[in-house]
């Protein structure tokens, strides 16, 4: 019997002929080789599918799937039904990972954790912003609660700067919501988080995220009905996190206020403003945090949460 696959890497692809080759090569250049990579072409109209097939022809670790266009969530979900690895990683098709990405995450393989965070770089047109952690392990609900409270991780719930246990995703049938085009990443991570017994962070900065694309779905205005649905789903997921990790009333207000702050930002932000924010490298989540603090201040002044 062959060695069990350690990592499954999921890469959704849509019209990324200019970047997908570089992305795939960064995966092939890993200094750890026991992985499978699933490339899901989401109905590309350029040469992305052909490029993926060309790389896969010469590397049996790569599997190429093709589907009609349905969005990044449907592409990821299709791949989730095909994974064989113990751990699961996501990589966006316009991003790259450094050669030690998998091996660095694997340092925490035996620490009894269910999710491991790595540092990452946000690359803009004229600058690079680095986000990093210390090497720490958090075991148990109280320790995890302190981690969530003391870091910005709940503000940046993205799937690609971490590794997940595939069995938790399979057992609890955790999937990306295909009816959302914003906050689907955050909702997925929240739904996974409530099943987590331990969290680890590593100091290595191994993921490189391209933040220059103003055409990304996350940078588009969203219909109000979808905003309301997103808000309802996030409120439900937030309540679960508060209950599972025994968060106090102040934490509860902060988390719920974040969702309200994000809703306000989406209502007031147009395609044009997202493009401007991207070009100047503005941290939109920083704006949300400012709105959240203002909401929290008003609530505490009303003494609804003594």
Foldseek 3Di string as FASTA:
>chain_A
DDDFQAEEEEEEDAQPPPAQVVAVVLVVLAPDDRYAYEYEYQQHPDCVQVSLVVVCVVPVSYHYHYDHHQDPQVRVLVVLVPDRHQKYAYDYSNKHWHNHLVVQQCVCVPVQWFKEFAKEWEDAPPDIDTDFDAWDKAFALQSVVVVVVVDCCLLPQAGHRMMGGSVLCVVVVQGFDSVALECSSSLSSLVSVLVIRMYTYHGHHIIYHYLHDLPRSNLAQDDPVNLVVSLVSQLVSLVSSCVSSVPAPLVSLLSNLLSVLVSVCSVPDHSVNSNVCRNVVNDVSVSSNVSSVVSSVVVVVVVPRD
